[in-house]
N, C-alpha and C. Protein backbone atom coordinates (compact mmCIF):
# COMPACT_ATOMS: atom_id res chain seq x y z
N UNK A 1 149.93 171.03 120.33
CA UNK A 1 148.91 171.86 120.74
C UNK A 1 147.60 171.38 120.02
N UNK A 2 146.54 170.97 120.69
CA UNK A 2 145.39 170.45 120.04
C UNK A 2 144.83 171.53 119.14
N UNK A 3 144.07 170.90 118.08
CA UNK A 3 143.45 171.58 116.96
C UNK A 3 141.82 171.63 117.24
N UNK A 4 141.42 172.76 117.91
CA UNK A 4 140.09 172.95 118.23
C UNK A 4 139.32 173.24 117.10
N UNK A 5 138.04 172.86 116.95
CA UNK A 5 137.10 173.30 116.00
C UNK A 5 135.88 174.15 116.50
N UNK A 6 135.78 175.17 115.95
CA UNK A 6 134.59 176.12 116.29
C UNK A 6 133.64 176.21 115.16
N UNK A 7 132.41 175.89 115.22
CA UNK A 7 131.50 176.06 114.31
C UNK A 7 130.70 177.51 114.43
N UNK A 8 130.63 178.05 113.42
CA UNK A 8 130.12 179.35 113.37
C UNK A 8 128.70 179.33 112.69
N UNK A 9 127.71 179.35 113.43
CA UNK A 9 126.40 179.25 112.88
C UNK A 9 125.32 180.53 113.47
N UNK A 10 124.32 180.74 112.87
CA UNK A 10 123.46 181.75 113.36
C UNK A 10 122.61 181.19 114.71
N UNK A 11 123.30 181.15 115.84
CA UNK A 11 122.66 180.64 116.90
C UNK A 11 123.25 181.38 118.17
N UNK A 12 122.57 181.47 119.32
CA UNK A 12 123.20 181.98 120.34
C UNK A 12 124.45 181.05 120.87
N UNK A 13 125.39 181.62 121.56
CA UNK A 13 126.48 180.81 121.99
C UNK A 13 126.77 181.31 123.35
N UNK A 14 127.14 180.00 124.17
CA UNK A 14 127.47 180.07 125.61
C UNK A 14 128.96 179.93 125.65
N UNK A 15 129.57 180.90 126.29
CA UNK A 15 131.09 180.90 126.51
C UNK A 15 131.31 180.87 127.91
N UNK A 16 132.45 180.36 128.26
CA UNK A 16 133.17 180.41 129.50
C UNK A 16 134.53 180.91 129.42
N UNK A 17 134.79 182.07 129.98
CA UNK A 17 136.03 182.64 129.92
C UNK A 17 136.87 182.47 131.26
N UNK A 18 138.04 182.11 131.52
CA UNK A 18 138.75 181.73 132.63
C UNK A 18 140.02 182.53 132.84
N UNK A 19 140.20 183.29 133.99
CA UNK A 19 141.37 183.96 134.11
C UNK A 19 142.69 183.21 134.16
N UNK A 20 143.73 183.61 133.90
CA UNK A 20 145.04 182.80 133.75
C UNK A 20 145.33 182.37 135.13
N UNK A 21 145.68 181.04 135.38
CA UNK A 21 145.98 180.63 136.78
C UNK A 21 144.87 180.70 137.75
N UNK A 22 143.64 180.80 137.23
CA UNK A 22 142.35 180.94 137.94
C UNK A 22 142.65 182.05 139.05
N UNK A 23 143.36 183.20 138.66
CA UNK A 23 143.50 184.23 139.47
C UNK A 23 142.20 185.00 139.83
N UNK A 24 141.79 185.23 141.02
CA UNK A 24 140.46 185.82 141.37
C UNK A 24 140.47 187.24 141.17
N UNK A 25 140.53 187.71 140.01
CA UNK A 25 140.47 189.22 139.83
C UNK A 25 139.32 190.04 139.19
N UNK A 26 138.42 189.24 138.82
CA UNK A 26 137.20 189.74 138.11
C UNK A 26 136.21 190.51 138.93
N UNK A 27 135.99 190.13 140.22
CA UNK A 27 134.93 190.86 141.05
C UNK A 27 135.48 192.38 141.36
N UNK A 28 136.63 192.56 141.51
CA UNK A 28 137.31 194.01 141.66
C UNK A 28 137.10 194.74 140.47
N UNK A 29 136.83 194.12 139.32
CA UNK A 29 136.76 194.85 138.00
C UNK A 29 135.53 194.56 137.33
N UNK A 30 134.42 194.29 138.07
CA UNK A 30 133.06 193.81 137.38
C UNK A 30 132.61 194.94 136.56
N UNK A 31 132.71 196.26 136.92
CA UNK A 31 132.27 197.35 136.05
C UNK A 31 133.03 197.31 134.76
N UNK A 32 134.42 197.08 134.88
CA UNK A 32 135.16 196.87 133.73
C UNK A 32 134.78 195.84 132.70
N UNK A 33 134.40 194.67 133.31
CA UNK A 33 133.91 193.64 132.52
C UNK A 33 132.57 194.04 131.59
N UNK A 34 131.72 194.84 132.22
CA UNK A 34 130.46 195.26 131.68
C UNK A 34 130.88 196.41 130.64
N UNK A 35 131.82 197.27 130.88
CA UNK A 35 132.17 198.38 129.98
C UNK A 35 132.81 197.48 128.73
N UNK A 36 133.73 196.61 128.96
CA UNK A 36 134.39 196.04 127.91
C UNK A 36 133.50 195.25 127.02
N UNK A 37 132.41 194.67 127.68
CA UNK A 37 131.33 194.05 126.81
C UNK A 37 130.63 194.91 125.99
N UNK A 38 130.37 196.23 126.51
CA UNK A 38 129.76 197.21 125.51
C UNK A 38 130.68 197.65 124.38
N UNK A 39 131.95 197.70 124.70
CA UNK A 39 132.91 198.26 123.69
C UNK A 39 133.13 197.17 122.60
N UNK A 40 133.09 195.91 122.92
CA UNK A 40 133.15 194.82 122.09
C UNK A 40 131.83 194.78 121.18
N UNK A 41 130.80 195.07 121.80
CA UNK A 41 129.52 195.24 121.03
C UNK A 41 129.58 196.23 119.88
N UNK A 42 130.15 197.33 120.23
CA UNK A 42 130.44 198.51 119.35
C UNK A 42 131.28 197.90 118.04
N UNK A 43 132.21 197.06 118.33
CA UNK A 43 133.15 196.67 117.18
C UNK A 43 132.57 195.44 116.56
N UNK A 44 131.90 194.62 117.18
CA UNK A 44 131.30 193.32 116.57
C UNK A 44 129.79 193.28 117.30
N UNK A 45 128.93 193.81 116.55
CA UNK A 45 127.52 193.74 117.16
C UNK A 45 127.11 192.26 117.58
N UNK A 46 126.35 192.21 118.63
CA UNK A 46 125.79 190.96 119.13
C UNK A 46 124.67 191.33 120.08
N UNK A 47 123.86 190.39 120.26
CA UNK A 47 122.87 190.49 121.21
C UNK A 47 123.03 189.82 122.49
N UNK A 48 123.21 190.53 123.67
CA UNK A 48 123.52 190.13 124.79
C UNK A 48 122.32 189.31 125.42
N UNK A 49 122.38 188.13 125.91
CA UNK A 49 121.52 187.31 126.59
C UNK A 49 121.47 187.25 127.98
N UNK A 50 122.66 186.73 128.53
CA UNK A 50 122.90 186.63 129.95
C UNK A 50 124.30 186.64 130.21
N UNK A 51 124.74 186.82 131.38
CA UNK A 51 126.08 186.64 131.91
C UNK A 51 126.26 186.54 133.38
N UNK A 52 127.20 186.07 133.97
CA UNK A 52 127.60 186.10 135.57
C UNK A 52 129.04 186.15 135.54
N UNK A 53 129.62 186.94 136.26
CA UNK A 53 130.95 187.17 136.57
C UNK A 53 131.17 186.54 138.08
N UNK A 54 132.08 185.74 138.28
CA UNK A 54 132.79 185.15 139.25
C UNK A 54 134.12 185.63 139.56
N UNK A 55 134.76 185.24 140.66
CA UNK A 55 136.16 185.86 140.88
C UNK A 55 137.02 185.33 139.94
N UNK A 56 137.06 184.08 139.26
CA UNK A 56 138.08 183.58 138.26
C UNK A 56 137.52 183.21 137.12
N UNK A 57 136.45 183.48 136.65
CA UNK A 57 135.69 183.02 135.31
C UNK A 57 134.53 183.76 135.17
N UNK A 58 134.04 183.80 134.00
CA UNK A 58 132.71 184.34 133.75
C UNK A 58 131.90 183.44 132.73
N UNK A 59 130.92 183.44 132.70
CA UNK A 59 129.88 182.63 131.68
C UNK A 59 129.05 183.82 131.02
N UNK A 60 128.95 183.66 129.73
CA UNK A 60 128.35 184.63 128.77
C UNK A 60 127.56 184.18 127.71
N UNK A 61 126.31 184.44 127.51
CA UNK A 61 125.40 183.90 126.46
C UNK A 61 125.11 184.99 125.65
N UNK A 62 125.38 184.91 124.33
CA UNK A 62 125.09 186.10 123.36
C UNK A 62 125.04 185.45 121.95
N UNK A 63 124.47 186.36 121.08
CA UNK A 63 124.45 185.79 119.78
C UNK A 63 124.97 186.85 118.73
N UNK A 64 126.07 186.61 118.17
CA UNK A 64 126.79 187.53 117.22
C UNK A 64 125.94 187.76 116.03
N UNK A 65 126.04 189.10 115.72
CA UNK A 65 125.27 189.44 114.51
C UNK A 65 125.75 188.72 113.21
N UNK A 66 127.22 188.58 113.18
CA UNK A 66 127.77 187.87 111.86
C UNK A 66 128.24 186.47 112.14
N UNK A 67 127.79 185.87 113.14
CA UNK A 67 127.98 184.56 113.58
C UNK A 67 129.37 184.25 113.96
N UNK A 68 130.26 185.28 113.84
CA UNK A 68 131.65 185.03 114.37
C UNK A 68 131.97 185.52 115.95
N UNK A 69 131.31 184.45 116.85
CA UNK A 69 131.52 184.95 118.09
C UNK A 69 132.98 184.92 118.72
N UNK A 70 133.87 184.36 117.95
CA UNK A 70 135.18 184.38 118.39
C UNK A 70 135.79 185.77 118.20
N UNK A 71 135.24 186.54 117.34
CA UNK A 71 135.67 187.94 117.30
C UNK A 71 135.13 188.79 118.32
N UNK A 72 133.98 188.42 118.74
CA UNK A 72 133.54 189.11 120.03
C UNK A 72 134.26 188.80 121.18
N UNK A 73 134.48 187.45 121.50
CA UNK A 73 135.30 187.19 122.55
C UNK A 73 136.61 187.81 122.55
N UNK A 74 137.25 187.84 121.51
CA UNK A 74 138.65 188.35 121.38
C UNK A 74 138.60 189.89 121.60
N UNK A 75 137.57 190.66 120.88
CA UNK A 75 137.42 191.96 121.34
C UNK A 75 137.34 192.39 122.67
N UNK A 76 136.48 191.47 123.45
CA UNK A 76 136.20 191.70 124.72
C UNK A 76 137.33 191.36 125.65
N UNK A 77 137.99 190.38 125.51
CA UNK A 77 139.36 190.04 126.15
C UNK A 77 140.35 190.97 126.02
N UNK A 78 140.51 191.58 124.71
CA UNK A 78 141.67 192.51 124.44
C UNK A 78 141.33 193.90 125.19
N UNK A 79 139.92 194.21 125.11
CA UNK A 79 139.67 195.45 125.77
C UNK A 79 139.74 195.43 127.20
N UNK A 80 139.18 194.34 127.78
CA UNK A 80 139.30 194.10 129.18
C UNK A 80 140.89 194.14 129.62
N UNK A 81 141.70 193.35 128.99
CA UNK A 81 143.11 193.57 129.27
C UNK A 81 143.77 195.03 129.17
N UNK A 82 143.30 195.64 128.20
CA UNK A 82 143.93 197.02 128.01
C UNK A 82 143.47 197.85 129.14
N UNK A 83 142.04 197.76 129.58
CA UNK A 83 141.42 198.62 130.66
C UNK A 83 142.20 198.26 131.91
N UNK A 84 142.70 197.12 132.09
CA UNK A 84 143.24 196.84 133.38
C UNK A 84 144.72 197.18 133.41
N UNK A 85 145.43 197.37 132.30
CA UNK A 85 146.86 197.71 132.25
C UNK A 85 147.14 198.87 133.24
N UNK A 86 146.17 199.79 133.34
CA UNK A 86 146.56 201.06 134.11
C UNK A 86 146.32 200.62 135.77
N UNK A 87 145.64 199.68 136.13
CA UNK A 87 145.44 199.33 137.49
C UNK A 87 146.27 197.95 137.81
N UNK A 88 146.77 197.21 137.00
CA UNK A 88 147.00 195.86 137.34
C UNK A 88 148.37 195.60 136.49
N UNK A 89 149.68 195.33 137.27
CA UNK A 89 150.67 195.19 136.66
C UNK A 89 150.82 193.87 135.88
N UNK A 90 149.94 193.01 136.09
CA UNK A 90 150.03 191.43 135.62
C UNK A 90 148.80 191.44 134.59
N UNK A 91 148.42 192.57 134.09
CA UNK A 91 147.38 192.58 133.04
C UNK A 91 147.56 191.84 131.84
N UNK A 92 148.83 191.83 131.42
CA UNK A 92 149.26 191.01 130.15
C UNK A 92 148.81 189.66 130.30
N UNK A 93 148.53 189.06 131.47
CA UNK A 93 148.19 187.63 131.64
C UNK A 93 146.81 187.49 132.29
N UNK A 94 145.82 188.19 131.89
CA UNK A 94 144.53 188.22 132.59
C UNK A 94 144.00 186.85 132.26
N UNK A 95 143.70 186.51 130.86
CA UNK A 95 143.00 185.27 130.66
C UNK A 95 143.81 184.07 130.32
N UNK A 96 143.19 183.03 130.30
CA UNK A 96 143.65 181.84 129.63
C UNK A 96 143.64 182.06 128.25
N UNK A 97 144.43 181.36 127.34
CA UNK A 97 144.45 181.53 126.09
C UNK A 97 143.35 181.19 125.24
N UNK A 98 142.59 180.13 125.61
CA UNK A 98 141.43 179.66 125.01
C UNK A 98 140.23 179.81 125.91
N UNK A 99 139.13 179.46 125.22
CA UNK A 99 137.79 179.65 126.00
C UNK A 99 136.87 178.46 125.55
N UNK A 100 136.01 178.27 126.36
CA UNK A 100 134.92 177.13 126.19
C UNK A 100 133.81 177.75 125.28
N UNK A 101 133.30 177.03 124.46
CA UNK A 101 132.04 177.52 123.70
C UNK A 101 131.08 176.47 123.46
N UNK A 102 129.81 176.72 123.40
CA UNK A 102 128.77 175.85 123.29
C UNK A 102 127.71 176.54 122.45
N UNK A 103 127.53 176.14 121.28
CA UNK A 103 126.30 176.68 120.39
C UNK A 103 124.98 176.24 120.99
N UNK A 104 123.93 177.04 121.24
CA UNK A 104 122.88 176.63 121.53
C UNK A 104 121.86 175.97 120.53
N UNK A 105 121.37 174.82 120.87
CA UNK A 105 120.89 173.92 119.95
C UNK A 105 119.30 174.16 119.66
N UNK A 106 118.58 174.53 120.90
CA UNK A 106 117.35 174.74 120.75
C UNK A 106 116.80 175.51 122.08
N UNK A 107 115.37 175.63 122.09
CA UNK A 107 114.87 176.46 123.29
C UNK A 107 115.28 175.75 124.57
N UNK A 108 115.19 174.58 124.68
CA UNK A 108 115.50 173.70 125.91
C UNK A 108 117.02 173.99 126.39
N UNK A 109 117.83 173.79 125.21
CA UNK A 109 119.30 174.17 125.67
C UNK A 109 119.53 175.57 126.16
N UNK A 110 118.80 176.49 125.36
CA UNK A 110 118.89 177.74 125.88
C UNK A 110 118.48 177.99 127.28
N UNK A 111 117.33 177.36 127.60
CA UNK A 111 116.83 177.72 129.08
C UNK A 111 117.65 176.95 130.16
N UNK A 112 118.33 175.85 129.64
CA UNK A 112 119.24 174.95 130.69
C UNK A 112 120.53 175.86 130.90
N UNK A 113 120.88 176.56 129.77
CA UNK A 113 122.23 177.50 130.07
C UNK A 113 121.85 178.65 130.65
N UNK A 114 120.70 179.25 130.62
CA UNK A 114 120.20 180.33 131.21
C UNK A 114 120.27 179.95 132.76
N UNK A 115 119.71 178.87 133.14
CA UNK A 115 119.57 178.45 134.65
C UNK A 115 120.97 178.12 134.97
N UNK A 116 121.71 177.47 134.23
CA UNK A 116 123.23 177.38 134.65
C UNK A 116 124.00 178.57 134.95
N UNK A 117 123.81 179.56 134.21
CA UNK A 117 124.56 180.89 134.23
C UNK A 117 123.89 181.46 135.56
N UNK A 118 122.58 181.68 135.82
CA UNK A 118 122.10 182.28 136.97
C UNK A 118 122.31 181.55 138.24
N UNK A 119 122.40 180.20 138.23
CA UNK A 119 122.50 179.41 139.46
C UNK A 119 124.08 179.41 139.85
N UNK A 120 124.94 179.55 138.99
CA UNK A 120 126.56 179.45 139.36
C UNK A 120 126.87 179.90 140.39
N UNK A 121 126.48 181.22 140.87
CA UNK A 121 127.15 181.75 141.99
C UNK A 121 126.66 180.85 143.28
N UNK A 122 125.46 180.41 143.28
CA UNK A 122 124.97 179.53 144.42
C UNK A 122 125.77 178.25 144.50
N UNK A 123 125.94 177.57 143.08
CA UNK A 123 126.81 176.30 143.02
C UNK A 123 128.13 176.40 143.52
N UNK A 124 128.72 177.55 143.38
CA UNK A 124 130.03 177.82 143.93
C UNK A 124 130.14 178.25 145.34
N UNK A 125 128.98 178.52 146.01
CA UNK A 125 128.86 178.77 147.31
C UNK A 125 129.10 180.27 147.57
N UNK A 126 129.00 181.22 146.62
CA UNK A 126 129.25 182.56 146.90
C UNK A 126 127.84 183.22 147.51
N UNK A 127 126.69 182.69 147.32
CA UNK A 127 125.72 183.29 147.75
C UNK A 127 124.51 182.01 148.07
N UNK A 128 123.39 182.50 148.58
CA UNK A 128 122.53 181.35 148.84
C UNK A 128 121.24 181.47 147.89
N UNK A 129 121.20 182.56 147.05
CA UNK A 129 120.07 182.82 146.29
C UNK A 129 120.64 183.62 144.99
N UNK A 130 120.31 183.23 143.80
CA UNK A 130 120.75 183.84 142.67
C UNK A 130 120.60 185.52 142.59
N UNK A 131 119.40 185.88 143.36
CA UNK A 131 119.22 187.28 143.32
C UNK A 131 120.15 188.04 144.42
N UNK A 132 120.96 187.32 145.20
CA UNK A 132 121.79 187.82 145.96
C UNK A 132 123.17 188.24 145.37
N UNK A 133 123.43 187.69 144.16
CA UNK A 133 124.64 187.91 143.44
C UNK A 133 124.65 189.12 142.66
N UNK A 134 125.50 190.04 142.91
CA UNK A 134 125.40 191.36 141.90
C UNK A 134 125.81 191.53 140.72
N UNK A 135 126.47 190.30 140.29
CA UNK A 135 127.40 190.29 139.08
C UNK A 135 126.73 189.34 138.03
N UNK A 136 125.48 189.61 137.85
CA UNK A 136 124.70 188.57 137.12
C UNK A 136 123.53 189.16 136.30
N UNK A 137 123.06 188.69 135.30
CA UNK A 137 121.82 189.01 134.66
C UNK A 137 120.66 188.67 135.19
N UNK A 138 120.60 187.88 136.28
CA UNK A 138 119.32 187.35 136.88
C UNK A 138 118.51 188.22 137.05
N UNK A 139 118.72 189.47 137.81
CA UNK A 139 117.67 190.40 138.05
C UNK A 139 116.83 190.94 136.84
N UNK A 140 117.60 191.06 135.81
CA UNK A 140 116.88 191.59 134.64
C UNK A 140 115.97 190.35 134.07
N UNK A 141 116.35 189.13 134.22
CA UNK A 141 115.39 188.01 133.78
C UNK A 141 114.44 187.87 134.62
N UNK A 142 114.43 188.15 136.02
CA UNK A 142 113.42 187.98 136.89
C UNK A 142 112.41 189.09 136.63
N UNK A 143 112.92 190.40 136.29
CA UNK A 143 111.96 191.46 136.04
C UNK A 143 111.08 191.13 134.80
N UNK A 144 111.65 190.54 133.86
CA UNK A 144 111.03 190.09 132.58
C UNK A 144 109.83 189.03 132.97
N UNK A 145 109.99 188.44 134.12
CA UNK A 145 109.02 187.37 134.41
C UNK A 145 109.49 186.04 134.03
N UNK A 146 110.73 185.83 133.54
CA UNK A 146 111.30 184.52 133.26
C UNK A 146 111.50 183.55 134.36
N UNK A 147 111.60 184.11 135.45
CA UNK A 147 111.77 183.29 136.79
C UNK A 147 110.90 183.62 137.84
N UNK A 148 110.43 182.78 138.70
CA UNK A 148 109.65 183.03 139.77
C UNK A 148 110.64 183.74 140.91
N UNK A 149 110.06 184.40 141.84
CA UNK A 149 110.82 185.00 142.74
C UNK A 149 111.63 184.15 143.55
N UNK A 150 111.05 182.80 143.75
CA UNK A 150 111.88 182.02 144.80
C UNK A 150 112.71 181.02 143.96
N UNK A 151 112.96 181.42 142.63
CA UNK A 151 113.69 180.43 141.91
C UNK A 151 115.12 180.46 142.38
N UNK A 152 115.79 179.15 142.48
CA UNK A 152 117.15 179.12 142.80
C UNK A 152 117.18 178.85 144.27
N UNK A 153 116.20 178.73 144.95
CA UNK A 153 116.37 178.32 146.38
C UNK A 153 116.81 176.93 146.62
N UNK A 154 116.46 176.09 145.48
CA UNK A 154 116.93 174.79 145.37
C UNK A 154 117.51 174.53 144.16
N UNK A 155 118.53 173.63 143.88
CA UNK A 155 119.04 173.37 142.46
C UNK A 155 117.94 173.08 141.44
N UNK A 156 117.93 173.89 140.35
CA UNK A 156 117.04 173.43 139.36
C UNK A 156 117.39 171.91 138.79
N UNK A 157 116.40 171.26 138.31
CA UNK A 157 116.52 169.89 137.79
C UNK A 157 117.74 169.78 136.89
N UNK A 158 118.67 168.94 137.12
CA UNK A 158 119.92 168.65 136.05
C UNK A 158 121.01 169.61 136.07
N UNK A 159 120.77 170.71 136.90
CA UNK A 159 121.80 171.74 136.78
C UNK A 159 123.21 171.28 137.50
N UNK A 160 123.09 170.52 138.34
CA UNK A 160 124.39 170.08 139.06
C UNK A 160 124.93 169.06 138.11
N UNK A 161 124.39 168.43 137.16
CA UNK A 161 124.99 167.64 136.26
C UNK A 161 125.72 168.20 135.19
N UNK A 162 125.46 169.53 134.91
CA UNK A 162 126.16 170.16 133.85
C UNK A 162 127.60 170.67 134.41
N UNK A 163 128.55 169.88 133.87
CA UNK A 163 129.92 170.32 134.47
C UNK A 163 130.58 171.15 133.41
N UNK A 164 130.57 172.54 133.51
CA UNK A 164 130.98 173.44 132.48
C UNK A 164 132.22 174.27 133.08
N UNK A 165 132.39 174.13 134.33
CA UNK A 165 133.53 175.01 134.78
C UNK A 165 134.34 174.42 135.91
């Protein structure tokens, strides 16, 4: 088994969580994803920055208060799995064992990952405009004025070069 290293610094972190066997079970449970994020935040405080939920994976950008983002991810995965046990007999294997993480290095890196998160449903062909995807933080960022209304009608520069999922 590989020995992965995780660096815990006071910085936002981008994580990708993938379902076991890429099973497309997350859209039916998008409300549970959100509720599990909130319950994880109660146990391990963090600042939620952005997210997108797709059928078989999710991307999440947050900053943990104590820098231990693995504890946040673990609490989220555990809570979501337990909440699914009542509705899904295969809930014991909802997630892949590991997750991908990337510490955000600077403002450019942050904005690149925000764009990646919000453009991801378009990239995968689930919609033609990020605003059309209901399981994303894009509307909140649009309301803040971080994006123009027509953002995402064409791929942002460099976005297709980021191979994160």
